[in-house]
Amino acid sequence: MALFIDGGLCGLEELKAHEGSVLETASSEGIDLTAKLDLAQQELGIELRAFLCRNGRSAGDICRVVATPELRRWLALAALRLAYRDAYHNRLNDRYRGKLEEYQRLAKEARRQMFESGVGMVSDALSQAGPAVVTAVAGTSSAAEYSVRVTWINAGGQEGAPSAVVACNLPSGAVPVVSVSGAPRTRWAGMCT
């Protein structure tokens, strides 16, 4: 389960799923979509913290918010709103005005739906695992390429978001040993590779 604070909740593919021409628009107008996704997530974080505080929670409870489908949709539409705002304001190009207004409306509606359905939270939050460290030790294997991802699993069997992939090539006669640091302070039950 990915948490809101893990970041990377939406990528360019999600934006493209909502708006097929967004990559071409971003390229022609010089818009950094990754920056827009980051900015949109910051804006959502501000709104989520305020919502939590208004409802008797701590702003720190943002660390327990789960990236539900409703939250991811809101994030994608908010990022598209920011992208088309830039496209429109670059040259006050009316060609993008309709899309800007549509994504403003859709993002507002997605926000309403997300809060209406409820903010998903977990009691034993697991942040995304950091990248694994892969070292080679003597063994009896053929040369191979390995890809390793790790996740944290809590005592209830819930799994956090996986780490970034670490790839390595090992020569013949070597086997990988995987280590990871930064275990969550919650009730930790192990890791899965």
C-alpha atoms as a PDB file:
ATOM      1  CA  MET A   1       0.000   0.000   0.000  1.00  0.00           C
ATOM      2  CA  ALA A   2       1.529   3.262  -1.080  1.00  0.00           C
ATOM      3  CA  LEU A   3       1.290   6.208   1.247  1.00  0.00           C
ATOM      4  CA  PHE A   4       0.723   9.787   0.165  1.00  0.00           C
ATOM      5  CA  ILE A   5       4.140  10.779   1.534  1.00  0.00           C
ATOM      6  CA  ASP A   6       5.911   8.164  -0.606  1.00  0.00           C
ATOM      7  CA  GLY A   7       5.559  10.435  -3.631  1.00  0.00           C
ATOM      8  CA  GLY A   8       5.544   9.233  -7.209  1.00  0.00           C
ATOM      9  CA  LEU A   9       1.866   8.344  -6.919  1.00  0.00           C
ATOM     10  CA  CYS A  10       1.204   9.309 -10.523  1.00  0.00           C
ATOM     11  CA  GLY A  11       3.480   9.277 -13.496  1.00  0.00           C
ATOM     12  CA  LEU A  12       3.407  10.489 -17.052  1.00  0.00           C
ATOM     13  CA  GLU A  13       1.461   7.399 -18.125  1.00  0.00           C
ATOM     14  CA  GLU A  14      -1.382   8.279 -15.744  1.00  0.00           C
ATOM     15  CA  LEU A  15      -1.460  11.821 -17.117  1.00  0.00           C
ATOM     16  CA  LYS A  16      -1.496  10.466 -20.649  1.00  0.00           C
ATOM     17  CA  ALA A  17      -4.369   8.121 -19.742  1.00  0.00           C
ATOM     18  CA  HIS A  18      -6.446  11.182 -18.799  1.00  0.00           C
ATOM     19  CA  GLU A  19      -5.203  13.403 -21.636  1.00  0.00           C
ATOM     20  CA  GLY A  20      -3.720  11.717 -24.694  1.00  0.00           C
ATOM     21  CA  SER A  21      -2.000  14.828 -26.051  1.00  0.00           C
ATOM     22  CA  VAL A  22      -0.432  16.056 -22.800  1.00  0.00           C
ATOM     23  CA  LEU A  23       3.091  14.859 -23.649  1.00  0.00           C
ATOM     24  CA  GLU A  24       3.046  16.638 -27.007  1.00  0.00           C
ATOM     25  CA  THR A  25       1.612  19.793 -25.445  1.00  0.00           C
ATOM     26  CA  ALA A  26       4.228  19.761 -22.706  1.00  0.00           C
ATOM     27  CA  SER A  27       7.002  19.296 -25.248  1.00  0.00           C
ATOM     28  CA  SER A  28       5.826  22.075 -27.570  1.00  0.00           C
ATOM     29  CA  GLU A  29       5.148  24.522 -24.705  1.00  0.00           C
ATOM     30  CA  GLY A  30       8.239  23.696 -22.615  1.00  0.00           C
ATOM     31  CA  ILE A  31       6.307  22.358 -19.612  1.00  0.00           C
ATOM     32  CA  ASP A  32       7.994  20.002 -17.145  1.00  0.00           C
ATOM     33  CA  LEU A  33       5.224  17.516 -16.298  1.00  0.00           C
ATOM     34  CA  THR A  34       7.246  15.883 -13.534  1.00  0.00           C
ATOM     35  CA  ALA A  35       7.531  19.274 -11.837  1.00  0.00           C
ATOM     36  CA  LYS A  36       3.765  19.747 -12.242  1.00  0.00           C
ATOM     37  CA  LEU A  37       3.129  16.356 -10.607  1.00  0.00           C
ATOM     38  CA  ASP A  38       5.389  17.343  -7.693  1.00  0.00           C
ATOM     39  CA  LEU A  39       3.704  20.730  -7.330  1.00  0.00           C
ATOM     40  CA  ALA A  40       0.245  19.167  -7.488  1.00  0.00           C
ATOM     41  CA  GLN A  41       1.226  16.706  -4.756  1.00  0.00           C
ATOM     42  CA  GLN A  42       2.461  19.585  -2.587  1.00  0.00           C
ATOM     43  CA  GLU A  43      -0.858  21.394  -3.088  1.00  0.00           C
ATOM     44  CA  LEU A  44      -2.832  18.268  -2.221  1.00  0.00           C
ATOM     45  CA  GLY A  45      -0.666  17.799   0.874  1.00  0.00           C
ATOM     46  CA  ILE A  46      -1.563  21.277   2.098  1.00  0.00           C
ATOM     47  CA  GLU A  47      -5.264  20.545   1.626  1.00  0.00           C
ATOM     48  CA  LEU A  48      -5.007  17.116   3.259  1.00  0.00           C
ATOM     49  CA  ARG A  49      -3.187  18.505   6.323  1.00  0.00           C
ATOM     50  CA  ALA A  50      -5.826  21.216   6.719  1.00  0.00           C
ATOM     51  CA  PHE A  51      -8.593  18.619   6.372  1.00  0.00           C
ATOM     52  CA  LEU A  52      -6.966  16.397   9.003  1.00  0.00           C
ATOM     53  CA  CYS A  53      -6.607  19.306  11.433  1.00  0.00           C
ATOM     54  CA  ARG A  54     -10.213  20.432  10.882  1.00  0.00           C
ATOM     55  CA  ASN A  55     -11.335  16.894  11.715  1.00  0.00           C
ATOM     56  CA  GLY A  56      -9.503  16.443  15.006  1.00  0.00           C
ATOM     57  CA  ARG A  57      -6.329  14.875  13.674  1.00  0.00           C
ATOM     58  CA  SER A  58      -2.756  16.076  13.677  1.00  0.00           C
ATOM     59  CA  ALA A  59      -1.122  17.510  10.557  1.00  0.00           C
ATOM     60  CA  GLY A  60       1.480  14.768  11.124  1.00  0.00           C
ATOM     61  CA  ASP A  61      -1.182  12.175  10.344  1.00  0.00           C
ATOM     62  CA  ILE A  62      -0.453  12.935   6.670  1.00  0.00           C
ATOM     63  CA  CYS A  63       2.136  10.154   7.125  1.00  0.00           C
ATOM     64  CA  ARG A  64      -0.729   7.691   7.530  1.00  0.00           C
ATOM     65  CA  VAL A  65      -2.755   8.725   4.460  1.00  0.00           C
ATOM     66  CA  VAL A  66      -3.039   5.970   1.851  1.00  0.00           C
ATOM     67  CA  ALA A  67      -2.826   6.683  -1.869  1.00  0.00           C
ATOM     68  CA  THR A  68      -6.329   5.528  -2.745  1.00  0.00           C
ATOM     69  CA  PRO A  69      -7.585   5.503  -6.349  1.00  0.00           C
ATOM     70  CA  GLU A  70      -9.611   8.646  -5.555  1.00  0.00           C
ATOM     71  CA  LEU A  71      -6.520  10.453  -4.273  1.00  0.00           C
ATOM     72  CA  ARG A  72      -4.456   9.398  -7.291  1.00  0.00           C
ATOM     73  CA  ARG A  73      -7.184  10.640  -9.643  1.00  0.00           C
ATOM     74  CA  TRP A  74      -7.316  13.988  -7.867  1.00  0.00           C
ATOM     75  CA  LEU A  75      -3.529  14.253  -8.124  1.00  0.00           C
ATOM     76  CA  ALA A  76      -3.475  13.484 -11.853  1.00  0.00           C
ATOM     77  CA  LEU A  77      -6.234  15.993 -12.633  1.00  0.00           C
ATOM     78  CA  ALA A  78      -4.606  18.657 -10.456  1.00  0.00           C
ATOM     79  CA  ALA A  79      -1.310  18.154 -12.328  1.00  0.00           C
ATOM     80  CA  LEU A  80      -3.115  18.455 -15.668  1.00  0.00           C
ATOM     81  CA  ARG A  81      -4.763  21.662 -14.440  1.00  0.00           C
ATOM     82  CA  LEU A  82      -1.314  23.066 -13.630  1.00  0.00           C
ATOM     83  CA  ALA A  83       0.105  21.960 -16.974  1.00  0.00           C
ATOM     84  CA  TYR A  84      -2.704  23.531 -18.996  1.00  0.00           C
ATOM     85  CA  ARG A  85      -2.574  26.659 -16.849  1.00  0.00           C
ATOM     86  CA  ASP A  86       1.044  27.054 -17.940  1.00  0.00           C
ATOM     87  CA  ALA A  87       0.221  26.241 -21.563  1.00  0.00           C
ATOM     88  CA  TYR A  88      -2.531  28.852 -21.594  1.00  0.00           C
ATOM     89  CA  HIS A  89      -0.524  31.542 -19.797  1.00  0.00           C
ATOM     90  CA  ASN A  90       2.671  31.021 -21.839  1.00  0.00           C
ATOM     91  CA  ARG A  91       1.208  33.125 -24.640  1.00  0.00           C
ATOM     92  CA  LEU A  92      -2.403  33.580 -23.544  1.00  0.00           C
ATOM     93  CA  ASN A  93      -3.157  30.953 -26.133  1.00  0.00           C
ATOM     94  CA  ASP A  94      -6.923  30.421 -26.287  1.00  0.00           C
ATOM     95  CA  ARG A  95      -6.232  27.044 -27.811  1.00  0.00           C
ATOM     96  CA  TYR A  96      -5.570  25.781 -24.241  1.00  0.00           C
ATOM     97  CA  ARG A  97      -8.247  27.786 -22.433  1.00  0.00           C
ATOM     98  CA  GLY A  98     -10.908  25.080 -22.825  1.00  0.00           C
ATOM     99  CA  LYS A  99      -8.614  22.372 -21.470  1.00  0.00           C
ATOM    100  CA  LEU A 100      -7.552  24.603 -18.567  1.00  0.00           C
ATOM    101  CA  GLU A 101     -11.179  25.241 -17.624  1.00  0.00           C
ATOM    102  CA  GLU A 102     -12.086  21.560 -18.042  1.00  0.00           C
ATOM    103  CA  TYR A 103      -9.218  20.366 -15.829  1.00  0.00           C
ATOM    104  CA  GLN A 104     -10.049  23.026 -13.223  1.00  0.00           C
ATOM    105  CA  ARG A 105     -13.581  21.630 -13.125  1.00  0.00           C
ATOM    106  CA  LEU A 106     -12.474  17.984 -13.133  1.00  0.00           C
ATOM    107  CA  ALA A 107      -9.839  18.526 -10.417  1.00  0.00           C
ATOM    108  CA  LYS A 108     -12.392  20.303  -8.223  1.00  0.00           C
ATOM    109  CA  GLU A 109     -14.863  17.445  -8.728  1.00  0.00           C
ATOM    110  CA  ALA A 110     -12.170  14.814  -8.015  1.00  0.00           C
ATOM    111  CA  ARG A 111     -11.269  16.684  -4.803  1.00  0.00           C
ATOM    112  CA  ARG A 112     -14.921  16.695  -3.728  1.00  0.00           C
ATOM    113  CA  GLN A 113     -15.308  12.986  -4.507  1.00  0.00           C
ATOM    114  CA  MET A 114     -12.119  12.104  -2.641  1.00  0.00           C
ATOM    115  CA  PHE A 115     -13.182  13.917   0.529  1.00  0.00           C
ATOM    116  CA  GLU A 116     -16.723  12.590   0.183  1.00  0.00           C
ATOM    117  CA  SER A 117     -15.492   8.989  -0.029  1.00  0.00           C
ATOM    118  CA  GLY A 118     -13.141   9.544   2.900  1.00  0.00           C
ATOM    119  CA  VAL A 119      -9.426   9.914   3.377  1.00  0.00           C
ATOM    120  CA  GLY A 120      -7.901   6.447   3.578  1.00  0.00           C
ATOM    121  CA  MET A 121      -5.619   6.043   6.586  1.00  0.00           C
ATOM    122  CA  VAL A 122      -3.719   3.187   8.165  1.00  0.00           C
ATOM    123  CA  SER A 123      -2.885   2.670  11.819  1.00  0.00           C
ATOM    124  CA  ASP A 124       0.481   0.986  11.236  1.00  0.00           C
ATOM    125  CA  ALA A 125       1.875   3.023   8.350  1.00  0.00           C
ATOM    126  CA  LEU A 126       4.799   1.713   6.321  1.00  0.00           C
ATOM    127  CA  SER A 127       6.721   4.190   4.254  1.00  0.00           C
ATOM    128  CA  GLN A 128       8.288   3.185   0.977  1.00  0.00           C
ATOM    129  CA  ALA A 129      11.443   1.138   1.428  1.00  0.00           C
ATOM    130  CA  GLY A 130      14.714   2.698   0.368  1.00  0.00           C
ATOM    131  CA  PRO A 131      16.746   1.041  -2.348  1.00  0.00           C
ATOM    132  CA  ALA A 132      18.436  -2.232  -1.464  1.00  0.00           C
ATOM    133  CA  VAL A 133      22.180  -2.653  -1.416  1.00  0.00           C
ATOM    134  CA  VAL A 134      23.261  -5.676  -3.422  1.00  0.00           C
ATOM    135  CA  THR A 135      26.696  -7.165  -2.872  1.00  0.00           C
ATOM    136  CA  ALA A 136      28.260 -10.265  -4.365  1.00  0.00           C
ATOM    137  CA  VAL A 137      29.627 -13.181  -2.372  1.00  0.00           C
ATOM    138  CA  ALA A 138      31.208 -16.388  -3.550  1.00  0.00           C
ATOM    139  CA  GLY A 139      28.690 -18.968  -4.632  1.00  0.00           C
ATOM    140  CA  THR A 140      27.832 -21.503  -7.278  1.00  0.00           C
ATOM    141  CA  SER A 141      25.821 -19.665  -9.878  1.00  0.00           C
ATOM    142  CA  SER A 142      26.242 -18.701 -13.489  1.00  0.00           C
ATOM    143  CA  ALA A 143      26.732 -15.115 -14.536  1.00  0.00           C
ATOM    144  CA  ALA A 144      23.392 -13.345 -14.309  1.00  0.00           C
ATOM    145  CA  GLU A 145      21.652 -10.018 -14.139  1.00  0.00           C
ATOM    146  CA  TYR A 146      19.556  -9.420 -11.032  1.00  0.00           C
ATOM    147  CA  SER A 147      16.819  -6.874 -10.378  1.00  0.00           C
ATOM    148  CA  VAL A 148      15.956  -6.312  -6.743  1.00  0.00           C
ATOM    149  CA  ARG A 149      13.104  -4.425  -5.066  1.00  0.00           C
ATOM    150  CA  VAL A 150      12.274  -4.545  -1.385  1.00  0.00           C
ATOM    151  CA  THR A 151       9.209  -3.667   0.665  1.00  0.00           C
ATOM    152  CA  TRP A 152       8.434  -3.494   4.337  1.00  0.00           C
ATOM    153  CA  ILE A 153       5.716  -5.704   5.817  1.00  0.00           C
ATOM    154  CA  ASN A 154       4.124  -4.909   9.163  1.00  0.00           C
ATOM    155  CA  ALA A 155       2.931  -7.322  11.827  1.00  0.00           C
ATOM    156  CA  GLY A 156      -0.537  -7.366  10.247  1.00  0.00           C
ATOM    157  CA  GLY A 157       0.867  -8.566   6.922  1.00  0.00           C
ATOM    158  CA  GLN A 158       0.286  -5.242   5.167  1.00  0.00           C
ATOM    159  CA  GLU A 159       2.938  -4.310   2.625  1.00  0.00           C
ATOM    160  CA  GLY A 160       4.366  -0.865   1.974  1.00  0.00           C
ATOM    161  CA  ALA A 161       5.262   0.570  -1.422  1.00  0.00           C
ATOM    162  CA  PRO A 162       8.219  -1.164  -3.107  1.00  0.00           C
ATOM    163  CA  SER A 163      11.607   0.478  -3.400  1.00  0.00           C
ATOM    164  CA  ALA A 164      13.161   1.551  -6.639  1.00  0.00           C
ATOM    165  CA  VAL A 165      14.633  -1.301  -8.676  1.00  0.00           C
ATOM    166  CA  VAL A 166      18.344  -1.960  -8.196  1.00  0.00           C
ATOM    167  CA  ALA A 167      19.918  -3.873 -11.068  1.00  0.00           C
ATOM    168  CA  CYS A 168      23.303  -5.551 -11.004  1.00  0.00           C
ATOM    169  CA  ASN A 169      25.301  -7.960 -13.143  1.00  0.00           C
ATOM    170  CA  LEU A 170      27.154 -10.663 -11.284  1.00  0.00           C
ATOM    171  CA  PRO A 171      29.871 -12.823 -12.737  1.00  0.00           C
ATOM    172  CA  SER A 172      29.918 -16.590 -12.679  1.00  0.00           C
ATOM    173  CA  GLY A 173      30.649 -17.918  -9.205  1.00  0.00           C
ATOM    174  CA  ALA A 174      28.949 -15.044  -7.372  1.00  0.00           C
ATOM    175  CA  VAL A 175      25.538 -14.818  -5.738  1.00  0.00           C
ATOM    176  CA  PRO A 176      23.758 -11.683  -4.563  1.00  0.00           C
ATOM    177  CA  VAL A 177      23.304 -10.725  -0.933  1.00  0.00           C
ATOM    178  CA  VAL A 178      20.617  -8.110  -0.374  1.00  0.00           C
ATOM    179  CA  SER A 179      20.648  -5.704   2.545  1.00  0.00           C
ATOM    180  CA  VAL A 180      18.431  -2.770   3.368  1.00  0.00           C
ATOM    181  CA  SER A 181      18.531  -0.124   6.060  1.00  0.00           C
ATOM    182  CA  GLY A 182      16.031   2.252   7.585  1.00  0.00           C
ATOM    183  CA  ALA A 183      13.494  -0.208   8.936  1.00  0.00           C
ATOM    184  CA  PRO A 184      10.275   1.555   9.970  1.00  0.00           C
ATOM    185  CA  ARG A 185       9.824   2.296  13.623  1.00  0.00           C
ATOM    186  CA  THR A 186       6.428   0.655  13.526  1.00  0.00           C
ATOM    187  CA  ARG A 187       5.909  -2.983  14.415  1.00  0.00           C
ATOM    188  CA  TRP A 188       8.170  -4.452  11.789  1.00  0.00           C
ATOM    189  CA  ALA A 189       7.669  -8.083  10.787  1.00  0.00           C
ATOM    190  CA  GLY A 190      10.105  -8.496   7.918  1.00  0.00           C
ATOM    191  CA  MET A 191      10.828  -7.643   4.362  1.00  0.00           C
ATOM    192  CA  CYS A 192       9.935  -9.116   1.032  1.00  0.00           C
ATOM    193  CA  THR A 193      12.255  -9.129  -1.958  1.00  0.00           C
END
